[in-house]
Amino acid sequence: TAVVIIPVGSVRYIKYLVPFSFIAILCLLFGC
C-alpha cells in the first residue's frame, strides 16, 4: 500500500485534495 499511500498522503495543500475527495465520493456512491 506504500506505493499508493505515500503519494496520496504527501499532498500538502488541501485544495489539491479536492479531486481525491470527489473520486472518493463517487466510489462510495457507486458502491452504495
Full PDB file with SEQRES, HELIX, SHEET, SSBOND, CRYST1, ORIGX, SCALE, CONECT and MASTER records, all heavy atoms in Angstrom:
SEQRES   1 A   32  THR ALA VAL VAL ILE ILE PRO VAL GLY SER VAL ARG TYR          
SEQRES   2 A   32  ILE LYS TYR LEU VAL PRO PHE SER PHE ILE ALA ILE LEU          
SEQRES   3 A   32  CYS LEU LEU PHE GLY CYS                                      
HELIX    1 AA1 ALA A    2  GLY A    9  1                                   8    
HELIX    2 AA2 ILE A   14  LEU A   17  5                                   4    
HELIX    3 AA3 VAL A   18  GLY A   31  1                                  14    
CRYST1    1.000    1.000    1.000  90.00  90.00  90.00 P 1           1          
ORIGX1      1.000000  0.000000  0.000000        0.00000                         
ORIGX2      0.000000  1.000000  0.000000        0.00000                         
ORIGX3      0.000000  0.000000  1.000000        0.00000                         
SCALE1      1.000000  0.000000  0.000000        0.00000                         
SCALE2      0.000000  1.000000  0.000000        0.00000                         
SCALE3      0.000000  0.000000  1.000000        0.00000                         
ATOM      1  N   THR A   1       0.825  -1.220   0.000  1.00  0.00           N  
ATOM      2  CA  THR A   1       0.000   0.000   0.000  1.00  0.00           C  
ATOM      3  C   THR A   1       0.853   1.262   0.000  1.00  0.00           C  
ATOM      4  O   THR A   1       0.370   2.328  -0.385  1.00  0.00           O  
ATOM      5  CB  THR A   1      -0.934   0.041   1.223  1.00  0.00           C  
ATOM      6  OG1 THR A   1      -0.150   0.030   2.429  1.00  0.00           O  
ATOM      7  CG2 THR A   1      -1.906  -1.119   1.232  1.00  0.00           C  
ATOM      8  N   ALA A   2       2.129   1.133   0.421  1.00  0.00           N  
ATOM      9  CA  ALA A   2       3.018   2.307   0.438  1.00  0.00           C  
ATOM     10  C   ALA A   2       3.129   2.944  -0.939  1.00  0.00           C  
ATOM     11  O   ALA A   2       3.303   4.169  -1.064  1.00  0.00           O  
ATOM     12  CB  ALA A   2       4.401   1.907   0.952  1.00  0.00           C  
ATOM     13  N   VAL A   3       2.997   2.133  -1.993  1.00  0.00           N  
ATOM     14  CA  VAL A   3       3.126   2.630  -3.367  1.00  0.00           C  
ATOM     15  C   VAL A   3       2.072   3.695  -3.672  1.00  0.00           C  
ATOM     16  O   VAL A   3       2.346   4.666  -4.370  1.00  0.00           O  
ATOM     17  CB  VAL A   3       3.004   1.465  -4.374  1.00  0.00           C  
ATOM     18  CG1 VAL A   3       3.055   1.974  -5.811  1.00  0.00           C  
ATOM     19  CG2 VAL A   3       4.101   0.445  -4.131  1.00  0.00           C  
ATOM     20  N   VAL A   4       0.869   3.518  -3.116  1.00  0.00           N  
ATOM     21  CA  VAL A   4      -0.204   4.489  -3.375  1.00  0.00           C  
ATOM     22  C   VAL A   4      -0.434   5.436  -2.190  1.00  0.00           C  
ATOM     23  O   VAL A   4      -0.829   6.595  -2.381  1.00  0.00           O  
ATOM     24  CB  VAL A   4      -1.525   3.760  -3.717  1.00  0.00           C  
ATOM     25  CG1 VAL A   4      -1.450   3.160  -5.094  1.00  0.00           C  
ATOM     26  CG2 VAL A   4      -1.854   2.698  -2.672  1.00  0.00           C  
ATOM     27  N   ILE A   5      -0.188   4.953  -0.984  1.00  0.00           N  
ATOM     28  CA  ILE A   5      -0.460   5.766   0.201  1.00  0.00           C  
ATOM     29  C   ILE A   5       0.500   6.948   0.317  1.00  0.00           C  
ATOM     30  O   ILE A   5       0.096   8.070   0.641  1.00  0.00           O  
ATOM     31  CB  ILE A   5      -0.394   4.901   1.486  1.00  0.00           C  
ATOM     32  CG1 ILE A   5      -1.615   3.988   1.568  1.00  0.00           C  
ATOM     33  CG2 ILE A   5      -0.295   5.765   2.733  1.00  0.00           C  
ATOM     34  CD1 ILE A   5      -2.922   4.721   1.778  1.00  0.00           C  
ATOM     35  N   ILE A   6       1.783   6.732   0.050  1.00  0.00           N  
ATOM     36  CA  ILE A   6       2.765   7.812   0.198  1.00  0.00           C  
ATOM     37  C   ILE A   6       2.470   8.977  -0.749  1.00  0.00           C  
ATOM     38  O   ILE A   6       2.462  10.142  -0.312  1.00  0.00           O  
ATOM     39  CB  ILE A   6       4.204   7.281   0.017  1.00  0.00           C  
ATOM     40  CG1 ILE A   6       4.577   6.398   1.213  1.00  0.00           C  
ATOM     41  CG2 ILE A   6       5.205   8.423  -0.124  1.00  0.00           C  
ATOM     42  CD1 ILE A   6       5.958   5.768   1.127  1.00  0.00           C  
ATOM     43  N   PRO A   7       2.199   8.748  -2.048  1.00  0.00           N  
ATOM     44  CA  PRO A   7       1.845   9.894  -2.911  1.00  0.00           C  
ATOM     45  C   PRO A   7       0.580  10.624  -2.460  1.00  0.00           C  
ATOM     46  O   PRO A   7       0.549  11.861  -2.440  1.00  0.00           O  
ATOM     47  CB  PRO A   7       1.658   9.253  -4.284  1.00  0.00           C  
ATOM     48  CG  PRO A   7       2.444   7.994  -4.241  1.00  0.00           C  
ATOM     49  CD  PRO A   7       2.328   7.505  -2.827  1.00  0.00           C  
ATOM     50  N   VAL A   8      -0.466   9.863  -2.104  1.00  0.00           N  
ATOM     51  CA  VAL A   8      -1.720  10.491  -1.680  1.00  0.00           C  
ATOM     52  C   VAL A   8      -1.533  11.257  -0.374  1.00  0.00           C  
ATOM     53  O   VAL A   8      -2.020  12.382  -0.210  1.00  0.00           O  
ATOM     54  CB  VAL A   8      -2.833   9.429  -1.516  1.00  0.00           C  
ATOM     55  CG1 VAL A   8      -4.083  10.042  -0.890  1.00  0.00           C  
ATOM     56  CG2 VAL A   8      -3.173   8.806  -2.863  1.00  0.00           C  
ATOM     57  N   GLY A   9      -0.791  10.657   0.559  1.00  0.00           N  
ATOM     58  CA  GLY A   9      -0.592  11.289   1.869  1.00  0.00           C  
ATOM     59  C   GLY A   9       0.397  12.430   1.869  1.00  0.00           C  
ATOM     60  O   GLY A   9       0.501  13.161   2.852  1.00  0.00           O  
ATOM     61  N   SER A  10       1.148  12.599   0.771  1.00  0.00           N  
ATOM     62  CA  SER A  10       2.160  13.653   0.715  1.00  0.00           C  
ATOM     63  C   SER A  10       1.631  14.980   0.182  1.00  0.00           C  
ATOM     64  O   SER A  10       2.364  15.963   0.139  1.00  0.00           O  
ATOM     65  CB  SER A  10       3.343  13.211  -0.156  1.00  0.00           C  
ATOM     66  OG  SER A  10       3.978  12.077   0.409  1.00  0.00           O  
ATOM     67  N   VAL A  11       0.369  15.005  -0.238  1.00  0.00           N  
ATOM     68  CA  VAL A  11      -0.218  16.254  -0.748  1.00  0.00           C  
ATOM     69  C   VAL A  11      -0.402  17.213   0.422  1.00  0.00           C  
ATOM     70  O   VAL A  11      -1.144  16.934   1.359  1.00  0.00           O  
ATOM     71  CB  VAL A  11      -1.563  15.989  -1.445  1.00  0.00           C  
ATOM     72  CG1 VAL A  11      -2.171  17.301  -1.938  1.00  0.00           C  
ATOM     73  CG2 VAL A  11      -1.372  15.027  -2.614  1.00  0.00           C  
ATOM     74  N   ARG A  12       0.274  18.343   0.348  1.00  0.00           N  
ATOM     75  CA  ARG A  12       0.300  19.257   1.488  1.00  0.00           C  
ATOM     76  C   ARG A  12      -0.933  20.152   1.580  1.00  0.00           C  
ATOM     77  O   ARG A  12      -1.521  20.291   2.652  1.00  0.00           O  
ATOM     78  CB  ARG A  12       1.558  20.133   1.419  1.00  0.00           C  
ATOM     79  CG  ARG A  12       1.631  21.159   2.540  1.00  0.00           C  
ATOM     80  CD  ARG A  12       2.966  21.876   2.565  1.00  0.00           C  
ATOM     81  NE  ARG A  12       3.096  22.724   3.749  1.00  0.00           N  
ATOM     82  CZ  ARG A  12       4.204  23.378   4.088  1.00  0.00           C  
ATOM     83  NH1 ARG A  12       5.283  23.261   3.328  1.00  0.00           N  
ATOM     84  NH2 ARG A  12       4.242  24.126   5.182  1.00  0.00           N  
ATOM     85  N   TYR A  13      -1.302  20.766   0.463  1.00  0.00           N  
ATOM     86  CA  TYR A  13      -2.367  21.769   0.499  1.00  0.00           C  
ATOM     87  C   TYR A  13      -3.710  21.132   0.197  1.00  0.00           C  
ATOM     88  O   TYR A  13      -3.874  20.407  -0.780  1.00  0.00           O  
ATOM     89  CB  TYR A  13      -2.061  22.896  -0.485  1.00  0.00           C  
ATOM     90  CG  TYR A  13      -0.791  23.635  -0.122  1.00  0.00           C  
ATOM     91  CD1 TYR A  13       0.363  23.455  -0.866  1.00  0.00           C  
ATOM     92  CD2 TYR A  13      -0.743  24.471   0.987  1.00  0.00           C  
ATOM     93  CE1 TYR A  13       1.540  24.115  -0.529  1.00  0.00           C  
ATOM     94  CE2 TYR A  13       0.428  25.122   1.336  1.00  0.00           C  
ATOM     95  CZ  TYR A  13       1.559  24.943   0.580  1.00  0.00           C  
ATOM     96  OH  TYR A  13       2.716  25.581   0.924  1.00  0.00           O  
ATOM     97  N   ILE A  14      -4.674  21.463   1.017  1.00  0.00           N  
ATOM     98  CA  ILE A  14      -5.953  20.769   0.985  1.00  0.00           C  
ATOM     99  C   ILE A  14      -6.722  21.031  -0.304  1.00  0.00           C  
ATOM    100  O   ILE A  14      -7.531  20.217  -0.735  1.00  0.00           O  
ATOM    101  CB  ILE A  14      -6.788  21.164   2.231  1.00  0.00           C  
ATOM    102  CG1 ILE A  14      -7.891  20.140   2.474  1.00  0.00           C  
ATOM    103  CG2 ILE A  14      -7.354  22.560   2.083  1.00  0.00           C  
ATOM    104  CD1 ILE A  14      -8.561  20.310   3.815  1.00  0.00           C  
ATOM    105  N   LYS A  15      -6.450  22.161  -0.973  1.00  0.00           N  
ATOM    106  CA  LYS A  15      -7.182  22.440  -2.206  1.00  0.00           C  
ATOM    107  C   LYS A  15      -6.807  21.443  -3.307  1.00  0.00           C  
ATOM    108  O   LYS A  15      -7.591  21.167  -4.209  1.00  0.00           O  
ATOM    109  CB  LYS A  15      -6.946  23.871  -2.684  1.00  0.00           C  
ATOM    110  CG  LYS A  15      -5.622  24.148  -3.348  1.00  0.00           C  
ATOM    111  CD  LYS A  15      -5.625  25.547  -3.951  1.00  0.00           C  
ATOM    112  CE  LYS A  15      -4.355  25.820  -4.745  1.00  0.00           C  
ATOM    113  NZ  LYS A  15      -4.380  27.143  -5.384  1.00  0.00           N  
ATOM    114  N   TYR A  16      -5.592  20.877  -3.222  1.00  0.00           N  
ATOM    115  CA  TYR A  16      -5.173  19.885  -4.214  1.00  0.00           C  
ATOM    116  C   TYR A  16      -5.749  18.503  -3.933  1.00  0.00           C  
ATOM    117  O   TYR A  16      -5.572  17.577  -4.733  1.00  0.00           O  
ATOM    118  CB  TYR A  16      -3.646  19.819  -4.278  1.00  0.00           C  
ATOM    119  CG  TYR A  16      -3.008  21.123  -4.685  1.00  0.00           C  
ATOM    120  CD1 TYR A  16      -2.039  21.722  -3.897  1.00  0.00           C  
ATOM    121  CD2 TYR A  16      -3.396  21.776  -5.850  1.00  0.00           C  
ATOM    122  CE1 TYR A  16      -1.456  22.931  -4.261  1.00  0.00           C  
ATOM    123  CE2 TYR A  16      -2.820  22.985  -6.226  1.00  0.00           C  
ATOM    124  CZ  TYR A  16      -1.859  23.559  -5.428  1.00  0.00           C  
ATOM    125  OH  TYR A  16      -1.303  24.757  -5.796  1.00  0.00           O  
ATOM    126  N   LEU A  17      -6.423  18.368  -2.788  1.00  0.00           N  
ATOM    127  CA  LEU A  17      -7.055  17.097  -2.453  1.00  0.00           C  
ATOM    128  C   LEU A  17      -8.504  17.029  -2.927  1.00  0.00           C  
ATOM    129  O   LEU A  17      -9.160  15.997  -2.761  1.00  0.00           O  
ATOM    130  CB  LEU A  17      -7.022  16.876  -0.935  1.00  0.00           C  
ATOM    131  CG  LEU A  17      -5.652  16.580  -0.318  1.00  0.00           C  
ATOM    132  CD1 LEU A  17      -5.753  16.600   1.206  1.00  0.00           C  
ATOM    133  CD2 LEU A  17      -5.110  15.242  -0.791  1.00  0.00           C  
ATOM    134  N   VAL A  18      -9.013  18.125  -3.499  1.00  0.00           N  
ATOM    135  CA  VAL A  18     -10.403  18.147  -3.961  1.00  0.00           C  
ATOM    136  C   VAL A  18     -10.701  17.019  -4.946  1.00  0.00           C  
ATOM    137  O   VAL A  18     -11.712  16.314  -4.806  1.00  0.00           O  
ATOM    138  CB  VAL A  18     -10.752  19.524  -4.570  1.00  0.00           C  
ATOM    139  CG1 VAL A  18     -12.134  19.475  -5.233  1.00  0.00           C  
ATOM    140  CG2 VAL A  18     -10.732  20.604  -3.493  1.00  0.00           C  
ATOM    141  N   PRO A  19      -9.841  16.782  -5.975  1.00  0.00           N  
ATOM    142  CA  PRO A  19     -10.127  15.650  -6.882  1.00  0.00           C  
ATOM    143  C   PRO A  19     -10.190  14.304  -6.171  1.00  0.00           C  
ATOM    144  O   PRO A  19     -11.017  13.447  -6.524  1.00  0.00           O  
ATOM    145  CB  PRO A  19      -8.942  15.694  -7.872  1.00  0.00           C  
ATOM    146  CG  PRO A  19      -8.446  17.096  -7.812  1.00  0.00           C  
ATOM    147  CD  PRO A  19      -8.652  17.528  -6.399  1.00  0.00           C  
ATOM    148  N   PHE A  20      -9.320  14.121  -5.154  1.00  0.00           N  
ATOM    149  CA  PHE A  20      -9.340  12.869  -4.402  1.00  0.00           C  
ATOM    150  C   PHE A  20     -10.665  12.699  -3.657  1.00  0.00           C  
ATOM    151  O   PHE A  20     -11.248  11.612  -3.639  1.00  0.00           O  
ATOM    152  CB  PHE A  20      -8.175  12.822  -3.414  1.00  0.00           C  
ATOM    153  CG  PHE A  20      -6.825  12.722  -4.062  1.00  0.00           C  
ATOM    154  CD1 PHE A  20      -6.023  13.842  -4.205  1.00  0.00           C  
ATOM    155  CD2 PHE A  20      -6.355  11.514  -4.551  1.00  0.00           C  
ATOM    156  CE1 PHE A  20      -4.778  13.765  -4.808  1.00  0.00           C  
ATOM    157  CE2 PHE A  20      -5.112  11.412  -5.157  1.00  0.00           C  
ATOM    158  CZ  PHE A  20      -4.320  12.553  -5.288  1.00  0.00           C  
ATOM    159  N   SER A  21     -11.140  13.789  -3.033  1.00  0.00           N  
ATOM    160  CA  SER A  21     -12.421  13.724  -2.322  1.00  0.00           C  
ATOM    161  C   SER A  21     -13.565  13.454  -3.286  1.00  0.00           C  
ATOM    162  O   SER A  21     -14.489  12.690  -2.980  1.00  0.00           O  
ATOM    163  CB  SER A  21     -12.672  15.038  -1.562  1.00  0.00           C  
ATOM    164  OG  SER A  21     -11.839  15.133  -0.435  1.00  0.00           O  
ATOM    165  N   PHE A  22     -13.499  14.075  -4.459  1.00  0.00           N  
ATOM    166  CA  PHE A  22     -14.546  13.877  -5.454  1.00  0.00           C  
ATOM    167  C   PHE A  22     -14.594  12.418  -5.910  1.00  0.00           C  
ATOM    168  O   PHE A  22     -15.667  11.807  -5.982  1.00  0.00           O  
ATOM    169  CB  PHE A  22     -14.301  14.804  -6.649  1.00  0.00           C  
ATOM    170  CG  PHE A  22     -15.355  14.698  -7.719  1.00  0.00           C  
ATOM    171  CD1 PHE A  22     -16.643  15.158  -7.495  1.00  0.00           C  
ATOM    172  CD2 PHE A  22     -15.057  14.137  -8.944  1.00  0.00           C  
ATOM    173  CE1 PHE A  22     -17.624  15.058  -8.474  1.00  0.00           C  
ATOM    174  CE2 PHE A  22     -16.025  14.029  -9.935  1.00  0.00           C  
ATOM    175  CZ  PHE A  22     -17.309  14.492  -9.699  1.00  0.00           C  
ATOM    176  N   ILE A  23     -13.421  11.848  -6.202  1.00  0.00           N  
ATOM    177  CA  ILE A  23     -13.354  10.441  -6.629  1.00  0.00           C  
ATOM    178  C   ILE A  23     -13.818   9.523  -5.497  1.00  0.00           C  
ATOM    179  O   ILE A  23     -14.527   8.534  -5.722  1.00  0.00           O  
ATOM    180  CB  ILE A  23     -11.921  10.075  -7.062  1.00  0.00           C  
ATOM    181  CG1 ILE A  23     -11.531  10.877  -8.316  1.00  0.00           C  
ATOM    182  CG2 ILE A  23     -11.810   8.580  -7.351  1.00  0.00           C  
ATOM    183  CD1 ILE A  23     -10.078  10.722  -8.703  1.00  0.00           C  
ATOM    184  N   ALA A  24     -13.418   9.850  -4.261  1.00  0.00           N  
ATOM    185  CA  ALA A  24     -13.818   9.031  -3.110  1.00  0.00           C  
ATOM    186  C   ALA A  24     -15.332   9.022  -2.955  1.00  0.00           C  
ATOM    187  O   ALA A  24     -15.940   7.973  -2.691  1.00  0.00           O  
ATOM    188  CB  ALA A  24     -13.155   9.562  -1.835  1.00  0.00           C  
ATOM    189  N   ILE A  25     -15.958  10.191  -3.115  1.00  0.00           N  
ATOM    190  CA  ILE A  25     -17.417  10.284  -3.010  1.00  0.00           C  
ATOM    191  C   ILE A  25     -18.076   9.444  -4.098  1.00  0.00           C  
ATOM    192  O   ILE A  25     -19.023   8.692  -3.839  1.00  0.00           O  
ATOM    193  CB  ILE A  25     -17.871  11.755  -3.098  1.00  0.00           C  
ATOM    194  CG1 ILE A  25     -17.407  12.531  -1.854  1.00  0.00           C  
ATOM    195  CG2 ILE A  25     -19.398  11.837  -3.213  1.00  0.00           C  
ATOM    196  CD1 ILE A  25     -17.582  14.033  -1.995  1.00  0.00           C  
ATOM    197  N   LEU A  26     -17.579   9.555  -5.329  1.00  0.00           N  
ATOM    198  CA  LEU A  26     -18.148   8.787  -6.433  1.00  0.00           C  
ATOM    199  C   LEU A  26     -18.027   7.284  -6.190  1.00  0.00           C  
ATOM    200  O   LEU A  26     -18.970   6.523  -6.434  1.00  0.00           O  
ATOM    201  CB  LEU A  26     -17.450   9.153  -7.748  1.00  0.00           C  
ATOM    202  CG  LEU A  26     -17.761  10.534  -8.341  1.00  0.00           C  
ATOM    203  CD1 LEU A  26     -17.004  10.724  -9.648  1.00  0.00           C  
ATOM    204  CD2 LEU A  26     -19.264  10.702  -8.568  1.00  0.00           C  
ATOM    205  N   CYS A  27     -16.851   6.865  -5.706  1.00  0.00           N  
ATOM    206  CA  CYS A  27     -16.642   5.437  -5.436  1.00  0.00           C  
ATOM    207  C   CYS A  27     -17.631   4.908  -4.413  1.00  0.00           C  
ATOM    208  O   CYS A  27     -18.235   3.837  -4.594  1.00  0.00           O  
ATOM    209  CB  CYS A  27     -15.212   5.189  -4.958  1.00  0.00           C  
ATOM    210  SG  CYS A  27     -13.951   5.335  -6.243  1.00  0.00           S  
ATOM    211  N   LEU A  28     -17.802   5.665  -3.323  1.00  0.00           N  
ATOM    212  CA  LEU A  28     -18.707   5.202  -2.275  1.00  0.00           C  
ATOM    213  C   LEU A  28     -20.157   5.231  -2.749  1.00  0.00           C  
ATOM    214  O   LEU A  28     -20.942   4.332  -2.436  1.00  0.00           O  
ATOM    215  CB  LEU A  28     -18.542   6.040  -1.012  1.00  0.00           C  
ATOM    216  CG  LEU A  28     -19.235   5.475   0.233  1.00  0.00           C  
ATOM    217  CD1 LEU A  28     -18.701   4.088   0.563  1.00  0.00           C  
ATOM    218  CD2 LEU A  28     -19.032   6.394   1.427  1.00  0.00           C  
ATOM    219  N   LEU A  29     -20.515   6.257  -3.518  1.00  0.00           N  
ATOM    220  CA  LEU A  29     -21.884   6.340  -4.021  1.00  0.00           C  
ATOM    221  C   LEU A  29     -22.186   5.195  -4.986  1.00  0.00           C  
ATOM    222  O   LEU A  29     -23.280   4.621  -4.969  1.00  0.00           O  
ATOM    223  CB  LEU A  29     -22.116   7.695  -4.699  1.00  0.00           C  
ATOM    224  CG  LEU A  29     -22.170   8.907  -3.766  1.00  0.00           C  
ATOM    225  CD1 LEU A  29     -22.399  10.180  -4.564  1.00  0.00           C  
ATOM    226  CD2 LEU A  29     -23.261   8.748  -2.706  1.00  0.00           C  
ATOM    227  N   PHE A  30     -21.206   4.860  -5.841  1.00  0.00           N  
ATOM    228  CA  PHE A  30     -21.389   3.718  -6.735  1.00  0.00           C  
ATOM    229  C   PHE A  30     -21.525   2.427  -5.926  1.00  0.00           C  
ATOM    230  O   PHE A  30     -22.356   1.556  -6.245  1.00  0.00           O  
ATOM    231  CB  PHE A  30     -20.213   3.607  -7.709  1.00  0.00           C  
ATOM    232  CG  PHE A  30     -20.376   4.442  -8.944  1.00  0.00           C  
ATOM    233  CD1 PHE A  30     -19.466   5.438  -9.242  1.00  0.00           C  
ATOM    234  CD2 PHE A  30     -21.446   4.235  -9.804  1.00  0.00           C  
ATOM    235  CE1 PHE A  30     -19.620   6.224 -10.379  1.00  0.00           C  
ATOM    236  CE2 PHE A  30     -21.610   5.010 -10.948  1.00  0.00           C  
ATOM    237  CZ  PHE A  30     -20.691   6.007 -11.240  1.00  0.00           C  
ATOM    238  N   GLY A  31     -20.698   2.295  -4.879  1.00  0.00           N  
ATOM    239  CA  GLY A  31     -20.789   1.118  -4.018  1.00  0.00           C  
ATOM    240  C   GLY A  31     -22.146   1.025  -3.347  1.00  0.00           C  
ATOM    241  O   GLY A  31     -22.764  -0.052  -3.303  1.00  0.00           O  
ATOM    242  N   CYS A  32     -22.627   2.153  -2.829  1.00  0.00           N  
ATOM    243  CA  CYS A  32     -23.943   2.175  -2.184  1.00  0.00           C  
ATOM    244  C   CYS A  32     -25.057   1.891  -3.191  1.00  0.00           C  
ATOM    245  O   CYS A  32     -26.072   1.270  -2.849  1.00  0.00           O  
ATOM    246  CB  CYS A  32     -24.175   3.537  -1.521  1.00  0.00           C  
ATOM    247  SG  CYS A  32     -23.126   3.843  -0.081  1.00  0.00           S  
TER     248      CYS A  32                                                      
MASTER        0    0    0    3    0    0    0    6  247    1    0    3          
END                                                                             
